[in-house]
Amino acid sequence: MPKMKTNSSAKKRFKVTGSGKIKRNKAYARHLMRKKSKKAKLQLSHSGIVKKCDEGLVKDLLCM
């Protein structure tokens, strides 16, 4: 049986925390930033946690 390969795009986008949760970056923070308020830009700069319902899909991509 061959080894399972980790999805290359997933390993660049997600990190696993010490407690086993999966960290992600927020979307909509690349361009058109002058329209957004300072508060919105600040919230987009912080990372988020993958929701429980999507966690299984991401773990499959990361071969966990």
N, C-alpha and C. Protein backbone atom coordinates (compact mmCIF):
# COMPACT_ATOMS: atom_id res chain seq x y z
N MET A 1 0.84 -1.18 0.00
CA MET A 1 0.00 0.00 0.00
C MET A 1 0.89 1.25 0.00
N PRO A 2 0.67 2.21 -0.91
CA PRO A 2 1.50 3.42 -0.92
C PRO A 2 1.16 4.35 0.24
N LYS A 3 2.08 5.25 0.54
CA LYS A 3 1.86 6.21 1.61
C LYS A 3 0.77 7.20 1.22
N MET A 4 0.07 7.73 2.22
CA MET A 4 -0.92 8.79 1.98
C MET A 4 -0.16 10.09 1.80
N LYS A 5 -0.55 10.87 0.79
CA LYS A 5 0.11 12.16 0.56
C LYS A 5 -0.72 13.29 1.15
N THR A 6 -0.05 14.21 1.83
CA THR A 6 -0.69 15.41 2.34
C THR A 6 -0.99 16.33 1.17
N ASN A 7 -2.17 16.94 1.18
CA ASN A 7 -2.53 17.90 0.15
C ASN A 7 -1.65 19.14 0.28
N SER A 8 -0.94 19.49 -0.81
CA SER A 8 0.06 20.57 -0.75
C SER A 8 -0.56 21.93 -0.44
N SER A 9 -1.73 22.21 -1.01
CA SER A 9 -2.34 23.52 -0.76
C SER A 9 -2.84 23.61 0.68
N ALA A 10 -3.31 22.48 1.24
CA ALA A 10 -3.82 22.48 2.62
C ALA A 10 -2.69 22.70 3.62
N LYS A 11 -1.53 22.09 3.38
CA LYS A 11 -0.45 22.25 4.35
C LYS A 11 0.09 23.68 4.39
N LYS A 12 -0.13 24.46 3.30
CA LYS A 12 0.27 25.86 3.30
C LYS A 12 -0.75 26.75 3.99
N ARG A 13 -2.01 26.31 4.04
CA ARG A 13 -3.09 27.16 4.54
C ARG A 13 -3.48 26.91 5.99
N PHE A 14 -3.20 25.73 6.52
CA PHE A 14 -3.65 25.37 7.86
C PHE A 14 -2.49 24.98 8.76
N LYS A 15 -2.64 25.29 10.06
CA LYS A 15 -1.67 24.88 11.07
C LYS A 15 -2.45 24.23 12.21
N VAL A 16 -1.85 23.25 12.86
CA VAL A 16 -2.50 22.58 13.98
C VAL A 16 -1.98 23.17 15.28
N THR A 17 -2.90 23.52 16.19
CA THR A 17 -2.51 24.09 17.47
C THR A 17 -2.10 22.97 18.43
N GLY A 18 -1.61 23.34 19.57
CA GLY A 18 -1.18 22.36 20.57
C GLY A 18 -2.32 21.51 21.08
N SER A 19 -3.52 22.09 21.15
CA SER A 19 -4.69 21.35 21.64
C SER A 19 -5.38 20.54 20.54
N GLY A 20 -4.86 20.61 19.30
CA GLY A 20 -5.41 19.80 18.22
C GLY A 20 -6.40 20.52 17.33
N LYS A 21 -6.69 21.79 17.63
CA LYS A 21 -7.57 22.57 16.76
C LYS A 21 -6.81 22.99 15.52
N ILE A 22 -7.52 23.39 14.48
CA ILE A 22 -6.86 23.78 13.23
C ILE A 22 -7.05 25.27 13.00
N LYS A 23 -5.92 25.98 12.86
CA LYS A 23 -5.92 27.42 12.65
C LYS A 23 -5.96 27.73 11.16
N ARG A 24 -6.60 28.85 10.80
CA ARG A 24 -6.67 29.27 9.41
C ARG A 24 -6.58 30.78 9.34
N ASN A 25 -6.24 31.31 8.17
CA ASN A 25 -6.27 32.75 7.96
C ASN A 25 -7.64 33.14 7.43
N LYS A 26 -8.03 34.39 7.65
CA LYS A 26 -9.34 34.86 7.23
C LYS A 26 -9.30 35.31 5.77
N ALA A 27 -10.43 35.18 5.09
CA ALA A 27 -10.55 35.57 3.70
C ALA A 27 -10.88 37.07 3.59
N TYR A 28 -10.85 37.61 2.38
CA TYR A 28 -11.22 39.00 2.06
C TYR A 28 -10.23 40.01 2.62
N ALA A 29 -8.96 39.65 2.75
CA ALA A 29 -7.98 40.59 3.31
C ALA A 29 -6.87 40.90 2.32
N ARG A 30 -7.07 40.66 1.04
CA ARG A 30 -6.01 40.84 0.06
C ARG A 30 -6.07 42.18 -0.68
N HIS A 31 -7.25 42.57 -1.11
CA HIS A 31 -7.35 43.84 -1.85
C HIS A 31 -8.68 44.50 -1.53
N LEU A 32 -8.93 45.70 -2.08
CA LEU A 32 -10.12 46.52 -1.78
C LEU A 32 -10.18 46.85 -0.29
N MET A 33 -9.02 47.09 0.30
CA MET A 33 -8.97 47.32 1.75
C MET A 33 -9.34 48.74 2.14
N ARG A 34 -9.27 49.71 1.19
CA ARG A 34 -9.56 51.09 1.58
C ARG A 34 -11.04 51.30 1.85
N LYS A 35 -11.89 50.41 1.34
CA LYS A 35 -13.33 50.49 1.62
C LYS A 35 -13.65 50.01 3.03
N LYS A 36 -12.82 49.16 3.57
CA LYS A 36 -13.11 48.52 4.85
C LYS A 36 -12.73 49.44 6.01
N SER A 37 -13.48 49.33 7.08
CA SER A 37 -13.20 50.13 8.27
C SER A 37 -11.94 49.60 8.96
N LYS A 38 -11.40 50.41 9.86
CA LYS A 38 -10.21 50.00 10.60
C LYS A 38 -10.50 48.76 11.43
N LYS A 39 -11.70 48.71 12.02
CA LYS A 39 -12.09 47.57 12.83
C LYS A 39 -12.16 46.29 11.98
N ALA A 40 -12.72 46.39 10.78
CA ALA A 40 -12.85 45.22 9.91
C ALA A 40 -11.47 44.71 9.50
N LYS A 41 -10.56 45.63 9.17
CA LYS A 41 -9.20 45.24 8.76
C LYS A 41 -8.45 44.59 9.92
N LEU A 42 -8.67 45.08 11.13
CA LEU A 42 -8.01 44.52 12.31
C LEU A 42 -8.50 43.10 12.57
N GLN A 43 -9.82 42.89 12.43
CA GLN A 43 -10.38 41.56 12.65
C GLN A 43 -9.91 40.57 11.58
N LEU A 44 -9.72 41.05 10.34
CA LEU A 44 -9.25 40.17 9.27
C LEU A 44 -7.79 39.78 9.45
N SER A 45 -7.02 40.60 10.18
CA SER A 45 -5.60 40.31 10.35
C SER A 45 -5.37 39.16 11.35
N HIS A 46 -6.34 38.90 12.22
CA HIS A 46 -6.20 37.81 13.20
C HIS A 46 -6.59 36.48 12.56
N SER A 47 -5.99 35.41 13.02
CA SER A 47 -6.33 34.09 12.49
C SER A 47 -7.59 33.57 13.16
N GLY A 48 -8.23 32.60 12.50
CA GLY A 48 -9.45 32.00 13.04
C GLY A 48 -9.25 30.51 13.24
N ILE A 49 -10.26 29.86 13.77
CA ILE A 49 -10.24 28.41 13.99
C ILE A 49 -11.24 27.78 13.02
N VAL A 50 -10.87 26.66 12.44
CA VAL A 50 -11.77 25.93 11.55
C VAL A 50 -12.94 25.40 12.36
N LYS A 51 -14.17 25.52 11.83
CA LYS A 51 -15.36 25.06 12.54
C LYS A 51 -15.38 23.54 12.62
N LYS A 52 -16.13 23.04 13.63
CA LYS A 52 -16.21 21.59 13.88
C LYS A 52 -16.69 20.84 12.65
N CYS A 53 -17.69 21.41 11.93
CA CYS A 53 -18.28 20.70 10.80
C CYS A 53 -17.29 20.53 9.65
N ASP A 54 -16.29 21.43 9.53
CA ASP A 54 -15.31 21.35 8.45
C ASP A 54 -14.00 20.70 8.89
N GLU A 55 -13.85 20.46 10.18
CA GLU A 55 -12.59 19.95 10.72
C GLU A 55 -12.22 18.59 10.13
N GLY A 56 -13.19 17.72 9.93
CA GLY A 56 -12.93 16.40 9.38
C GLY A 56 -12.38 16.45 7.96
N LEU A 57 -12.93 17.35 7.15
CA LEU A 57 -12.46 17.52 5.77
C LEU A 57 -11.00 17.97 5.74
N VAL A 58 -10.68 18.94 6.59
CA VAL A 58 -9.32 19.48 6.63
C VAL A 58 -8.35 18.43 7.15
N LYS A 59 -8.77 17.67 8.15
CA LYS A 59 -7.89 16.62 8.70
C LYS A 59 -7.61 15.54 7.67
N ASP A 60 -8.60 15.24 6.82
CA ASP A 60 -8.38 14.29 5.73
C ASP A 60 -7.32 14.81 4.75
N LEU A 61 -7.41 16.10 4.44
CA LEU A 61 -6.43 16.69 3.51
C LEU A 61 -5.03 16.70 4.11
N LEU A 62 -4.95 16.87 5.44
CA LEU A 62 -3.66 16.91 6.12
C LEU A 62 -3.18 15.52 6.55
N CYS A 63 -3.94 14.48 6.21
CA CYS A 63 -3.61 13.08 6.57
C CYS A 63 -3.43 12.91 8.07
N MET A 64 -4.40 13.39 8.84
CA MET A 64 -4.35 13.27 10.30
C MET A 64 -5.31 12.18 10.74
